[in-house]
Each structure stands twice: as C-alpha cells, then as structure tokens.
Amino acid sequence: MNNKKTKANTPKTNRLFVPNPQNFKVSVSYEGLDLEIKPTTLAELKRKYSR
C-alpha cells in the first residue's frame, strides 16, 4: 500500500470559500442567532433568562 502525500495548495484547494450573504443570513436565522447587534437593557436580559 503506497501512501503518497500531495501538496496542500493545489489549484483545486487554493480557492477560498465565501458563502452567499443571503444564504448565510437564512442559515444563521435557523440557528436562532441574529447578525445585528441590538442593545438590550439589563431588565430585558433578566426577563429573557429568568427561570
């Protein structure tokens, strides 16, 4: 069994993956995350995370 090592930077692996912004927004929204930073008050956080 021959194990040949190949170069890490071949023309096929040289590409950089950049997601489509609209797809990324939808994907993040499915996970319950938000891309926008909204200022929240301490009272809102206590109400949200109270048990």
C-alpha atoms as a PDB file:
ATOM      1  CA  MET A   1       0.000   0.000   0.000  1.00  0.00           C
ATOM      2  CA  ASN A   2       1.594   3.257  -1.114  1.00  0.00           C
ATOM      3  CA  ASN A   3       0.729   6.402   0.769  1.00  0.00           C
ATOM      4  CA  LYS A   4       1.594   9.326  -1.445  1.00  0.00           C
ATOM      5  CA  LYS A   5       1.457  12.772   0.031  1.00  0.00           C
ATOM      6  CA  THR A   6       0.147  15.562  -2.141  1.00  0.00           C
ATOM      7  CA  LYS A   7       0.764  19.246  -1.840  1.00  0.00           C
ATOM      8  CA  ALA A   8      -1.691  21.084   0.356  1.00  0.00           C
ATOM      9  CA  ASN A   9      -2.023  24.009  -2.046  1.00  0.00           C
ATOM     10  CA  THR A  10      -3.142  22.579  -5.327  1.00  0.00           C
ATOM     11  CA  PRO A  11      -5.146  24.675  -7.791  1.00  0.00           C
ATOM     12  CA  LYS A  12      -8.306  22.966  -6.584  1.00  0.00           C
ATOM     13  CA  THR A  13      -7.661  23.670  -2.891  1.00  0.00           C
ATOM     14  CA  ASN A  14      -6.386  27.210  -3.424  1.00  0.00           C
ATOM     15  CA  ARG A  15      -9.929  28.577  -3.665  1.00  0.00           C
ATOM     16  CA  LEU A  16     -11.423  30.415  -0.714  1.00  0.00           C
ATOM     17  CA  PHE A  17     -14.979  29.546   0.269  1.00  0.00           C
ATOM     18  CA  VAL A  18     -17.186  32.608   0.586  1.00  0.00           C
ATOM     19  CA  PRO A  19     -20.858  31.916   1.344  1.00  0.00           C
ATOM     20  CA  ASN A  20     -23.656  33.784  -0.361  1.00  0.00           C
ATOM     21  CA  PRO A  21     -24.701  36.535   2.121  1.00  0.00           C
ATOM     22  CA  GLN A  22     -28.426  35.768   1.760  1.00  0.00           C
ATOM     23  CA  ASN A  23     -27.864  32.046   2.388  1.00  0.00           C
ATOM     24  CA  PHE A  24     -25.710  32.870   5.400  1.00  0.00           C
ATOM     25  CA  LYS A  25     -28.433  35.087   6.896  1.00  0.00           C
ATOM     26  CA  VAL A  26     -31.043  32.349   6.468  1.00  0.00           C
ATOM     27  CA  SER A  27     -28.728  29.717   7.929  1.00  0.00           C
ATOM     28  CA  VAL A  28     -27.963  31.864  10.955  1.00  0.00           C
ATOM     29  CA  SER A  29     -31.649  32.609  11.492  1.00  0.00           C
ATOM     30  CA  TYR A  30     -32.441  28.872  11.577  1.00  0.00           C
ATOM     31  CA  GLU A  31     -29.982  28.511  14.441  1.00  0.00           C
ATOM     32  CA  GLY A  32     -31.708  31.283  16.357  1.00  0.00           C
ATOM     33  CA  LEU A  33     -28.838  33.716  16.000  1.00  0.00           C
ATOM     34  CA  ASP A  34     -29.014  37.293  14.837  1.00  0.00           C
ATOM     35  CA  LEU A  35     -26.496  39.156  12.703  1.00  0.00           C
ATOM     36  CA  GLU A  36     -27.453  42.571  14.006  1.00  0.00           C
ATOM     37  CA  ILE A  37     -26.295  43.683  17.437  1.00  0.00           C
ATOM     38  CA  LYS A  38     -29.230  45.169  19.257  1.00  0.00           C
ATOM     39  CA  PRO A  39     -28.640  46.987  22.549  1.00  0.00           C
ATOM     40  CA  THR A  40     -30.581  45.360  25.375  1.00  0.00           C
ATOM     41  CA  THR A  41     -31.181  46.598  28.857  1.00  0.00           C
ATOM     42  CA  LEU A  42     -30.352  44.651  31.961  1.00  0.00           C
ATOM     43  CA  ALA A  43     -34.063  44.295  32.733  1.00  0.00           C
ATOM     44  CA  GLU A  44     -34.704  42.723  29.305  1.00  0.00           C
ATOM     45  CA  LEU A  45     -31.873  40.246  29.784  1.00  0.00           C
ATOM     46  CA  LYS A  46     -33.140  39.271  33.256  1.00  0.00           C
ATOM     47  CA  ARG A  47     -36.628  38.726  31.858  1.00  0.00           C
ATOM     48  CA  LYS A  48     -35.296  36.656  28.946  1.00  0.00           C
ATOM     49  CA  TYR A  49     -33.035  34.399  31.003  1.00  0.00           C
ATOM     50  CA  SER A  50     -35.115  34.096  34.179  1.00  0.00           C
ATOM     51  CA  ARG A  51     -36.073  30.591  35.144  1.00  0.00           C
END
